[in-house]
């Protein structure tokens, strides 16, 4: 899985691609810590290119939402396929999902890429 951020004035869009697994969640956790340390409080996880998330890993993803909340941040998920959306809903993450909104609608247009 690849993880990379595109920064805007207001939002950090974390673009991911491939299959999400425990090792990738560890990389995502580190990436989120870096964003929060840089005082990025509005984060959108772009799942357009994520092909699969196991149920177990989806439950672990919930901890990342709690991490961002504990730093007074807000994290949302966008660009979900129906298959991945069903997995995340089953894991109890439906409050964080914006499956029908395009990622571009959740961030401002001035984007600056930042690789991880």
N, C-alpha and C. Protein backbone atom coordinates (compact mmCIF):
# COMPACT_ATOMS: atom_id res chain seq x y z
N UNK A 1 0.84 -1.18 0.00
CA UNK A 1 0.00 0.00 0.00
C UNK A 1 0.88 1.24 0.00
N UNK A 2 0.47 2.22 -0.76
CA UNK A 2 1.17 3.50 -0.76
C UNK A 2 0.34 4.53 0.00
N UNK A 3 1.04 5.43 0.67
CA UNK A 3 0.39 6.50 1.44
C UNK A 3 1.10 7.79 1.10
N UNK A 4 0.32 8.81 0.77
CA UNK A 4 0.90 10.12 0.47
C UNK A 4 -0.15 11.17 0.79
N UNK A 5 0.33 12.34 1.21
CA UNK A 5 -0.57 13.43 1.56
C UNK A 5 -0.51 14.54 0.54
N UNK A 6 -1.66 15.15 0.33
CA UNK A 6 -1.77 16.38 -0.43
C UNK A 6 -2.31 17.41 0.55
N UNK A 7 -1.53 18.47 0.75
CA UNK A 7 -1.90 19.48 1.73
C UNK A 7 -2.56 20.67 1.06
N UNK A 8 -3.59 21.16 1.70
CA UNK A 8 -4.25 22.39 1.28
C UNK A 8 -4.15 23.37 2.45
N UNK A 9 -4.69 24.53 2.29
CA UNK A 9 -4.67 25.48 3.40
C UNK A 9 -5.42 24.94 4.61
N UNK A 10 -6.50 24.22 4.38
CA UNK A 10 -7.36 23.77 5.46
C UNK A 10 -7.24 22.28 5.79
N UNK A 11 -6.91 21.47 4.79
CA UNK A 11 -7.06 20.03 4.93
C UNK A 11 -5.82 19.28 4.45
N UNK A 12 -5.58 18.14 5.11
CA UNK A 12 -4.57 17.19 4.62
C UNK A 12 -5.34 16.00 4.05
N UNK A 13 -5.18 15.76 2.76
CA UNK A 13 -5.83 14.62 2.12
C UNK A 13 -4.78 13.51 2.05
N UNK A 14 -5.06 12.41 2.74
CA UNK A 14 -4.14 11.27 2.78
C UNK A 14 -4.62 10.27 1.75
N UNK A 15 -3.86 10.18 0.66
CA UNK A 15 -4.22 9.29 -0.45
C UNK A 15 -3.57 7.93 -0.21
N UNK A 16 -4.37 6.88 -0.30
CA UNK A 16 -3.88 5.52 -0.11
C UNK A 16 -4.26 4.68 -1.31
N UNK A 17 -3.44 3.66 -1.59
CA UNK A 17 -3.73 2.77 -2.71
C UNK A 17 -3.31 1.36 -2.35
N UNK A 18 -4.09 0.38 -2.81
CA UNK A 18 -3.76 -1.03 -2.60
C UNK A 18 -4.62 -1.67 -1.53
N UNK A 19 -4.08 -2.70 -0.91
CA UNK A 19 -4.77 -3.43 0.16
C UNK A 19 -4.26 -2.95 1.51
N UNK A 20 -5.16 -2.66 2.42
CA UNK A 20 -4.78 -2.18 3.73
C UNK A 20 -4.59 -3.38 4.66
N UNK A 21 -3.46 -3.42 5.36
CA UNK A 21 -3.16 -4.48 6.31
C UNK A 21 -2.55 -3.86 7.56
N UNK A 22 -2.29 -4.69 8.57
CA UNK A 22 -1.76 -4.19 9.85
C UNK A 22 -0.50 -3.37 9.67
N UNK A 23 0.40 -3.80 8.79
CA UNK A 23 1.64 -3.05 8.57
C UNK A 23 1.34 -1.67 7.99
N UNK A 24 0.35 -1.60 7.12
CA UNK A 24 -0.02 -0.32 6.53
C UNK A 24 -0.68 0.59 7.56
N UNK A 25 -1.42 0.00 8.50
CA UNK A 25 -2.03 0.80 9.55
C UNK A 25 -0.96 1.40 10.45
N UNK A 26 0.14 0.69 10.63
CA UNK A 26 1.26 1.22 11.41
C UNK A 26 1.87 2.42 10.67
N UNK A 27 2.03 2.31 9.35
CA UNK A 27 2.54 3.43 8.54
C UNK A 27 1.55 4.59 8.56
N UNK A 28 0.26 4.28 8.46
CA UNK A 28 -0.76 5.33 8.51
C UNK A 28 -0.71 6.03 9.86
N UNK A 29 -0.57 5.27 10.94
CA UNK A 29 -0.50 5.85 12.28
C UNK A 29 0.67 6.85 12.36
N UNK A 30 1.83 6.44 11.89
CA UNK A 30 3.01 7.33 11.90
C UNK A 30 2.76 8.58 11.05
N UNK A 31 2.11 8.39 9.91
CA UNK A 31 1.80 9.51 9.02
C UNK A 31 0.84 10.49 9.71
N UNK A 32 -0.16 9.96 10.38
CA UNK A 32 -1.12 10.81 11.09
C UNK A 32 -0.44 11.57 12.23
N UNK A 33 0.46 10.90 12.95
CA UNK A 33 1.20 11.58 14.02
C UNK A 33 1.98 12.76 13.45
N UNK A 34 2.62 12.54 12.29
CA UNK A 34 3.37 13.63 11.65
C UNK A 34 2.45 14.79 11.28
N UNK A 35 1.28 14.48 10.74
CA UNK A 35 0.33 15.54 10.36
C UNK A 35 -0.16 16.30 11.60
N UNK A 36 -0.49 15.57 12.65
CA UNK A 36 -0.97 16.21 13.87
C UNK A 36 0.13 17.05 14.52
N UNK A 37 1.37 16.57 14.44
CA UNK A 37 2.50 17.34 14.98
C UNK A 37 2.69 18.64 14.21
N UNK A 38 2.34 18.63 12.93
CA UNK A 38 2.42 19.83 12.09
C UNK A 38 1.15 20.67 12.21
N UNK A 39 0.33 20.35 13.18
CA UNK A 39 -0.92 21.06 13.47
C UNK A 39 -1.95 20.98 12.36
N UNK A 40 -1.93 19.88 11.64
CA UNK A 40 -2.96 19.61 10.65
C UNK A 40 -4.09 18.90 11.37
N UNK A 41 -5.21 19.56 11.52
CA UNK A 41 -6.33 19.02 12.31
C UNK A 41 -7.47 18.48 11.46
N UNK A 42 -7.55 18.90 10.21
CA UNK A 42 -8.60 18.41 9.30
C UNK A 42 -7.95 17.43 8.33
N UNK A 43 -8.34 16.17 8.44
CA UNK A 43 -7.71 15.11 7.64
C UNK A 43 -8.79 14.33 6.91
N UNK A 44 -8.57 14.11 5.62
CA UNK A 44 -9.46 13.28 4.81
C UNK A 44 -8.65 12.08 4.32
N UNK A 45 -9.14 10.87 4.61
CA UNK A 45 -8.52 9.66 4.07
C UNK A 45 -9.18 9.37 2.73
N UNK A 46 -8.39 9.42 1.68
CA UNK A 46 -8.88 9.18 0.32
C UNK A 46 -8.74 7.69 0.00
N UNK A 47 -9.86 6.99 -0.04
CA UNK A 47 -9.88 5.54 -0.25
C UNK A 47 -10.19 5.16 -1.70
N UNK A 48 -10.13 6.11 -2.63
CA UNK A 48 -10.49 5.79 -4.02
C UNK A 48 -9.69 4.63 -4.59
N UNK A 49 -8.43 4.49 -4.21
CA UNK A 49 -7.58 3.44 -4.78
C UNK A 49 -7.34 2.29 -3.80
N UNK A 50 -8.10 2.25 -2.71
CA UNK A 50 -7.97 1.13 -1.76
C UNK A 50 -8.87 0.00 -2.25
N UNK A 51 -8.26 -1.16 -2.45
CA UNK A 51 -8.98 -2.30 -3.01
C UNK A 51 -9.61 -3.19 -1.95
N UNK A 52 -8.97 -3.27 -0.77
CA UNK A 52 -9.48 -4.18 0.25
C UNK A 52 -9.02 -3.73 1.63
N UNK A 53 -9.89 -3.90 2.61
CA UNK A 53 -9.59 -3.70 4.02
C UNK A 53 -10.19 -4.90 4.74
N UNK A 54 -9.38 -5.62 5.50
CA UNK A 54 -9.94 -6.76 6.24
C UNK A 54 -10.80 -6.22 7.38
N UNK A 55 -11.74 -7.03 7.85
CA UNK A 55 -12.59 -6.60 8.96
C UNK A 55 -11.75 -6.27 10.18
N UNK A 56 -10.75 -7.11 10.47
CA UNK A 56 -9.89 -6.88 11.64
C UNK A 56 -9.16 -5.55 11.52
N UNK A 57 -8.61 -5.26 10.35
CA UNK A 57 -7.90 -4.01 10.15
C UNK A 57 -8.85 -2.81 10.22
N UNK A 58 -10.07 -3.00 9.78
CA UNK A 58 -11.05 -1.91 9.86
C UNK A 58 -11.33 -1.55 11.32
N UNK A 59 -11.40 -2.55 12.18
CA UNK A 59 -11.59 -2.27 13.61
C UNK A 59 -10.41 -1.48 14.17
N UNK A 60 -9.18 -1.81 13.72
CA UNK A 60 -7.99 -1.08 14.16
C UNK A 60 -7.99 0.36 13.62
N UNK A 61 -8.56 0.56 12.46
CA UNK A 61 -8.65 1.90 11.88
C UNK A 61 -9.44 2.83 12.80
N UNK A 62 -10.39 2.28 13.52
CA UNK A 62 -11.18 3.10 14.45
C UNK A 62 -10.29 3.78 15.48
N UNK A 63 -9.21 3.13 15.87
CA UNK A 63 -8.28 3.74 16.83
C UNK A 63 -7.60 4.98 16.25
N UNK A 64 -7.40 4.99 14.94
CA UNK A 64 -6.78 6.15 14.32
C UNK A 64 -7.72 7.36 14.38
N UNK A 65 -9.03 7.10 14.25
CA UNK A 65 -10.00 8.18 14.38
C UNK A 65 -9.96 8.74 15.80
N UNK A 66 -9.82 7.86 16.78
CA UNK A 66 -9.74 8.30 18.17
C UNK A 66 -8.46 9.09 18.41
N UNK A 67 -7.36 8.69 17.78
CA UNK A 67 -6.11 9.42 17.89
C UNK A 67 -6.29 10.86 17.41
N UNK A 68 -6.88 11.02 16.24
CA UNK A 68 -7.08 12.35 15.67
C UNK A 68 -8.01 13.17 16.56
N UNK A 69 -9.07 12.56 17.05
CA UNK A 69 -9.99 13.26 17.96
C UNK A 69 -9.29 13.70 19.23
N UNK A 70 -8.39 12.84 19.76
CA UNK A 70 -7.70 13.18 21.00
C UNK A 70 -6.78 14.39 20.83
N UNK A 71 -6.46 14.74 19.59
CA UNK A 71 -5.67 15.93 19.29
C UNK A 71 -6.55 17.07 18.77
N UNK A 72 -7.84 17.00 19.09
CA UNK A 72 -8.82 18.00 18.67
C UNK A 72 -8.90 18.14 17.16
N UNK A 73 -8.71 17.03 16.48
CA UNK A 73 -8.79 17.03 15.02
C UNK A 73 -10.06 16.35 14.54
N UNK A 74 -10.23 16.37 13.23
CA UNK A 74 -11.37 15.74 12.59
C UNK A 74 -10.87 14.96 11.39
N UNK A 75 -11.20 13.68 11.33
CA UNK A 75 -10.79 12.87 10.20
C UNK A 75 -12.02 12.23 9.58
N UNK A 76 -12.09 12.27 8.25
CA UNK A 76 -13.19 11.70 7.49
C UNK A 76 -12.62 10.76 6.44
N UNK A 77 -13.47 9.91 5.90
CA UNK A 77 -13.08 8.99 4.82
C UNK A 77 -13.95 9.32 3.61
N UNK A 78 -13.32 9.36 2.44
CA UNK A 78 -14.05 9.64 1.20
C UNK A 78 -13.53 8.72 0.09
N UNK A 79 -14.30 8.64 -0.98
CA UNK A 79 -13.88 7.88 -2.15
C UNK A 79 -13.98 6.38 -1.99
N UNK A 80 -14.94 5.92 -1.21
CA UNK A 80 -15.06 4.48 -0.93
C UNK A 80 -15.78 3.71 -2.03
N UNK A 81 -15.27 2.53 -2.32
CA UNK A 81 -16.04 1.61 -3.17
C UNK A 81 -17.15 1.03 -2.28
N UNK A 82 -18.24 0.56 -2.88
CA UNK A 82 -19.30 -0.06 -2.07
C UNK A 82 -18.79 -1.22 -1.22
N UNK A 83 -17.85 -1.99 -1.75
CA UNK A 83 -17.30 -3.14 -1.03
C UNK A 83 -16.55 -2.69 0.23
N UNK A 84 -15.64 -1.73 0.10
CA UNK A 84 -14.87 -1.25 1.24
C UNK A 84 -15.78 -0.50 2.21
N UNK A 85 -16.75 0.24 1.68
CA UNK A 85 -17.70 0.95 2.56
C UNK A 85 -18.44 -0.02 3.45
N UNK A 86 -18.90 -1.15 2.90
CA UNK A 86 -19.61 -2.15 3.70
C UNK A 86 -18.74 -2.69 4.83
N UNK A 87 -17.47 -2.90 4.54
CA UNK A 87 -16.54 -3.40 5.57
C UNK A 87 -16.40 -2.37 6.69
N UNK A 88 -16.22 -1.10 6.33
CA UNK A 88 -16.04 -0.05 7.34
C UNK A 88 -17.32 0.19 8.13
N UNK A 89 -18.47 0.10 7.49
CA UNK A 89 -19.74 0.23 8.21
C UNK A 89 -19.88 -0.91 9.22
N UNK A 90 -19.54 -2.13 8.80
CA UNK A 90 -19.59 -3.29 9.70
C UNK A 90 -18.69 -3.07 10.91
N UNK A 91 -17.56 -2.39 10.70
CA UNK A 91 -16.61 -2.13 11.78
C UNK A 91 -17.04 -0.96 12.66
N UNK A 92 -18.16 -0.33 12.35
CA UNK A 92 -18.68 0.75 13.18
C UNK A 92 -18.15 2.13 12.84
N UNK A 93 -17.67 2.31 11.63
CA UNK A 93 -17.08 3.60 11.25
C UNK A 93 -18.01 4.46 10.39
N UNK A 94 -19.28 4.15 10.35
CA UNK A 94 -20.19 4.87 9.44
C UNK A 94 -20.26 6.36 9.72
N UNK A 95 -20.03 6.80 10.95
CA UNK A 95 -20.07 8.24 11.26
C UNK A 95 -18.95 9.02 10.57
N UNK A 96 -17.91 8.33 10.13
CA UNK A 96 -16.74 9.00 9.55
C UNK A 96 -16.73 8.92 8.03
N UNK A 97 -17.70 8.29 7.43
CA UNK A 97 -17.67 8.01 6.00
C UNK A 97 -18.43 9.05 5.20
N UNK A 98 -17.82 9.49 4.13
CA UNK A 98 -18.44 10.40 3.18
C UNK A 98 -18.35 9.77 1.81
N UNK A 99 -18.91 8.57 1.67
CA UNK A 99 -18.72 7.77 0.46
C UNK A 99 -19.27 8.43 -0.79
N UNK A 100 -20.29 9.26 -0.66
CA UNK A 100 -20.91 9.85 -1.84
C UNK A 100 -20.36 11.23 -2.18
N UNK A 101 -19.46 11.73 -1.36
CA UNK A 101 -18.86 13.03 -1.64
C UNK A 101 -17.49 12.83 -2.25
N UNK A 102 -17.19 13.55 -3.33
CA UNK A 102 -15.84 13.44 -3.89
C UNK A 102 -14.83 14.05 -2.94
N UNK A 103 -13.61 13.55 -3.00
CA UNK A 103 -12.55 14.06 -2.14
C UNK A 103 -12.35 15.55 -2.37
N UNK A 104 -12.46 16.00 -3.61
CA UNK A 104 -12.25 17.42 -3.92
C UNK A 104 -13.25 18.32 -3.20
N UNK A 105 -14.43 17.81 -2.91
CA UNK A 105 -15.43 18.60 -2.21
C UNK A 105 -15.11 18.73 -0.72
N UNK A 106 -14.18 17.92 -0.24
CA UNK A 106 -13.86 17.92 1.19
C UNK A 106 -12.60 18.71 1.50
N UNK A 107 -11.95 19.25 0.49
CA UNK A 107 -10.72 20.02 0.71
C UNK A 107 -10.75 21.25 -0.19
N UNK A 108 -9.85 22.19 0.09
CA UNK A 108 -9.83 23.37 -0.76
C UNK A 108 -8.93 23.13 -1.97
N UNK A 109 -9.05 23.93 -3.02
CA UNK A 109 -8.39 23.64 -4.28
C UNK A 109 -6.88 23.83 -4.31
N UNK A 110 -6.31 24.59 -3.42
CA UNK A 110 -4.86 24.84 -3.44
C UNK A 110 -4.13 23.68 -2.77
N UNK A 111 -3.70 22.71 -3.55
CA UNK A 111 -3.09 21.50 -3.00
C UNK A 111 -1.58 21.53 -3.15
N UNK A 112 -0.89 21.08 -2.12
CA UNK A 112 0.56 20.94 -2.14
C UNK A 112 0.90 19.51 -1.76
N UNK A 113 1.46 18.69 -2.70
CA UNK A 113 1.77 17.31 -2.37
C UNK A 113 2.88 17.17 -1.33
N UNK A 114 2.75 16.15 -0.47
CA UNK A 114 3.77 15.82 0.51
C UNK A 114 3.84 14.30 0.60
N UNK A 115 4.94 13.73 0.17
CA UNK A 115 5.09 12.27 0.16
C UNK A 115 5.41 11.77 1.55
N UNK A 116 5.10 10.47 1.77
CA UNK A 116 5.41 9.82 3.03
C UNK A 116 6.11 8.52 2.75
